[in-house]
Amino acid sequence: MPLQPEHKQYSGVVHGVVLAALMDTVAGFAAYTVTPIEKDVLSAEIKTSFLRASWGEELRAIGYVMKPGRNIHFCECEIYCGDKLVCKGSGTFCVVYSNV
């Protein structure tokens, strides 16, 4: 994710809500990889741990499915700024029928 000035606080560090939103998005996409095509996933709960301040031009996020299920998936995400792990999070995602 390329960083823009609006993603940063007055001091230049990436705002925590940006990291939390990225974590939820990437973990959610990981959940989609184990979800039947006729279903969707919704965030039921997320936890985000901020490990260090992040300054830089880009964030890299990696999502993992830790426990897939028929009704609930549990996923994790790691976010890096450069080579530093800056955030780690987890999410519980409900599997629901899609409206599409």
C-alpha atoms as a PDB file:
ATOM      1  CA  MET A   1       0.000   0.000   0.000  1.00  0.00           C
ATOM      2  CA  PRO A   2       1.632   3.248  -1.048  1.00  0.00           C
ATOM      3  CA  LEU A   3       1.392   5.851   1.712  1.00  0.00           C
ATOM      4  CA  GLN A   4       0.056   9.358   1.150  1.00  0.00           C
ATOM      5  CA  PRO A   5       0.291  12.393   3.474  1.00  0.00           C
ATOM      6  CA  GLU A   6      -3.336  11.839   4.584  1.00  0.00           C
ATOM      7  CA  HIS A   7      -2.372   8.407   5.973  1.00  0.00           C
ATOM      8  CA  LYS A   8       0.036   9.988   8.467  1.00  0.00           C
ATOM      9  CA  GLN A   9      -0.274  11.897  11.721  1.00  0.00           C
ATOM     10  CA  TYR A  10       1.201  15.380  12.192  1.00  0.00           C
ATOM     11  CA  SER A  11       4.553  13.805  13.177  1.00  0.00           C
ATOM     12  CA  GLY A  12       4.767  11.753   9.963  1.00  0.00           C
ATOM     13  CA  VAL A  13       4.026   8.364  11.525  1.00  0.00           C
ATOM     14  CA  VAL A  14       1.320   6.211   9.910  1.00  0.00           C
ATOM     15  CA  HIS A  15      -1.995   6.568  11.754  1.00  0.00           C
ATOM     16  CA  GLY A  16      -3.196   3.498  13.660  1.00  0.00           C
ATOM     17  CA  VAL A  17      -6.591   3.460  11.965  1.00  0.00           C
ATOM     18  CA  VAL A  18      -4.837   3.044   8.593  1.00  0.00           C
ATOM     19  CA  LEU A  19      -3.001  -0.013   9.924  1.00  0.00           C
ATOM     20  CA  ALA A  20      -6.203  -1.427  11.468  1.00  0.00           C
ATOM     21  CA  ALA A  21      -8.162  -0.970   8.220  1.00  0.00           C
ATOM     22  CA  LEU A  22      -5.391  -2.584   6.169  1.00  0.00           C
ATOM     23  CA  MET A  23      -5.214  -5.498   8.618  1.00  0.00           C
ATOM     24  CA  ASP A  24      -8.993  -6.037   8.446  1.00  0.00           C
ATOM     25  CA  THR A  25      -8.970  -5.879   4.638  1.00  0.00           C
ATOM     26  CA  VAL A  26      -6.048  -8.265   4.110  1.00  0.00           C
ATOM     27  CA  ALA A  27      -7.200 -10.777   6.748  1.00  0.00           C
ATOM     28  CA  GLY A  28     -10.686 -10.606   5.206  1.00  0.00           C
ATOM     29  CA  PHE A  29      -9.327 -11.366   1.745  1.00  0.00           C
ATOM     30  CA  ALA A  30      -7.457 -14.323   3.240  1.00  0.00           C
ATOM     31  CA  ALA A  31     -10.812 -15.530   4.602  1.00  0.00           C
ATOM     32  CA  TYR A  32     -12.333 -15.267   1.110  1.00  0.00           C
ATOM     33  CA  THR A  33      -9.793 -17.800  -0.186  1.00  0.00           C
ATOM     34  CA  VAL A  34     -11.483 -20.566   1.846  1.00  0.00           C
ATOM     35  CA  THR A  35     -15.091 -19.388   1.402  1.00  0.00           C
ATOM     36  CA  PRO A  36     -17.532 -20.988  -1.075  1.00  0.00           C
ATOM     37  CA  ILE A  37     -18.309 -18.775  -4.092  1.00  0.00           C
ATOM     38  CA  GLU A  38     -21.980 -18.320  -3.123  1.00  0.00           C
ATOM     39  CA  LYS A  39     -21.044 -16.971   0.312  1.00  0.00           C
ATOM     40  CA  ASP A  40     -19.414 -13.833   1.688  1.00  0.00           C
ATOM     41  CA  VAL A  41     -17.471 -12.954   4.827  1.00  0.00           C
ATOM     42  CA  LEU A  42     -18.139 -10.189   7.329  1.00  0.00           C
ATOM     43  CA  SER A  43     -15.816  -8.984  10.076  1.00  0.00           C
ATOM     44  CA  ALA A  44     -17.159 -10.044  13.460  1.00  0.00           C
ATOM     45  CA  GLU A  45     -14.154  -9.059  15.569  1.00  0.00           C
ATOM     46  CA  ILE A  46     -10.681  -7.658  14.973  1.00  0.00           C
ATOM     47  CA  LYS A  47      -7.663  -7.163  17.209  1.00  0.00           C
ATOM     48  CA  THR A  48      -4.752  -5.018  16.155  1.00  0.00           C
ATOM     49  CA  SER A  49      -1.411  -4.811  17.962  1.00  0.00           C
ATOM     50  CA  PHE A  50       0.796  -1.854  17.046  1.00  0.00           C
ATOM     51  CA  LEU A  51       4.383  -3.027  17.515  1.00  0.00           C
ATOM     52  CA  ARG A  52       6.353   0.059  16.472  1.00  0.00           C
ATOM     53  CA  ALA A  53       5.898   3.425  14.831  1.00  0.00           C
ATOM     54  CA  SER A  54       6.006   3.249  11.066  1.00  0.00           C
ATOM     55  CA  TRP A  55       7.578   5.890   8.880  1.00  0.00           C
ATOM     56  CA  GLY A  56       8.043   5.222   5.225  1.00  0.00           C
ATOM     57  CA  GLU A  57       6.524   5.310   1.775  1.00  0.00           C
ATOM     58  CA  GLU A  58       4.847   1.899   1.632  1.00  0.00           C
ATOM     59  CA  LEU A  59       3.252  -0.813   3.769  1.00  0.00           C
ATOM     60  CA  ARG A  60       3.278  -4.518   2.887  1.00  0.00           C
ATOM     61  CA  ALA A  61       0.628  -6.787   4.416  1.00  0.00           C
ATOM     62  CA  ILE A  62       0.404 -10.581   4.430  1.00  0.00           C
ATOM     63  CA  GLY A  63      -2.776 -12.435   5.427  1.00  0.00           C
ATOM     64  CA  TYR A  64      -3.052 -15.988   6.735  1.00  0.00           C
ATOM     65  CA  VAL A  65      -5.992 -18.315   7.374  1.00  0.00           C
ATOM     66  CA  MET A  66      -5.322 -19.860  10.769  1.00  0.00           C
ATOM     67  CA  LYS A  67      -8.604 -21.781  11.226  1.00  0.00           C
ATOM     68  CA  PRO A  68     -11.162 -22.076   8.443  1.00  0.00           C
ATOM     69  CA  GLY A  69     -14.657 -23.189   9.362  1.00  0.00           C
ATOM     70  CA  ARG A  70     -18.111 -23.650   7.901  1.00  0.00           C
ATOM     71  CA  ASN A  71     -19.537 -20.574   9.691  1.00  0.00           C
ATOM     72  CA  ILE A  72     -16.482 -18.783  11.096  1.00  0.00           C
ATOM     73  CA  HIS A  73     -12.926 -18.221   9.835  1.00  0.00           C
ATOM     74  CA  PHE A  74     -10.077 -17.040  12.047  1.00  0.00           C
ATOM     75  CA  CYS A  75      -7.332 -15.159  10.189  1.00  0.00           C
ATOM     76  CA  GLU A  76      -4.189 -13.178  10.970  1.00  0.00           C
ATOM     77  CA  CYS A  77      -2.266 -10.420   9.238  1.00  0.00           C
ATOM     78  CA  GLU A  78       1.251  -9.015   9.515  1.00  0.00           C
ATOM     79  CA  ILE A  79       2.085  -5.524   8.272  1.00  0.00           C
ATOM     80  CA  TYR A  80       5.621  -4.463   7.411  1.00  0.00           C
ATOM     81  CA  CYS A  81       7.091  -1.033   6.753  1.00  0.00           C
ATOM     82  CA  GLY A  82      10.367  -1.701   4.988  1.00  0.00           C
ATOM     83  CA  ASP A  83      11.792  -4.792   6.682  1.00  0.00           C
ATOM     84  CA  LYS A  84      10.243  -4.003  10.096  1.00  0.00           C
ATOM     85  CA  LEU A  85       7.129  -5.712  11.449  1.00  0.00           C
ATOM     86  CA  VAL A  86       5.016  -2.753  12.589  1.00  0.00           C
ATOM     87  CA  CYS A  87       1.613  -4.329  13.221  1.00  0.00           C
ATOM     88  CA  LYS A  88       0.092  -7.751  13.786  1.00  0.00           C
ATOM     89  CA  GLY A  89      -3.604  -8.429  13.941  1.00  0.00           C
ATOM     90  CA  SER A  90      -6.258 -11.094  13.926  1.00  0.00           C
ATOM     91  CA  GLY A  91      -9.850 -11.261  12.863  1.00  0.00           C
ATOM     92  CA  THR A  92     -12.873 -13.471  13.215  1.00  0.00           C
ATOM     93  CA  PHE A  93     -14.988 -13.501  10.056  1.00  0.00           C
ATOM     94  CA  CYS A  94     -18.591 -14.747   9.785  1.00  0.00           C
ATOM     95  CA  VAL A  95     -19.479 -16.744   6.676  1.00  0.00           C
ATOM     96  CA  VAL A  96     -22.858 -15.586   5.303  1.00  0.00           C
ATOM     97  CA  TYR A  97     -24.876 -16.065   2.127  1.00  0.00           C
ATOM     98  CA  SER A  98     -24.119 -13.380  -0.448  1.00  0.00           C
ATOM     99  CA  ASN A  99     -26.783 -10.946  -1.669  1.00  0.00           C
ATOM    100  CA  VAL A 100     -25.346 -11.028  -5.187  1.00  0.00           C
END
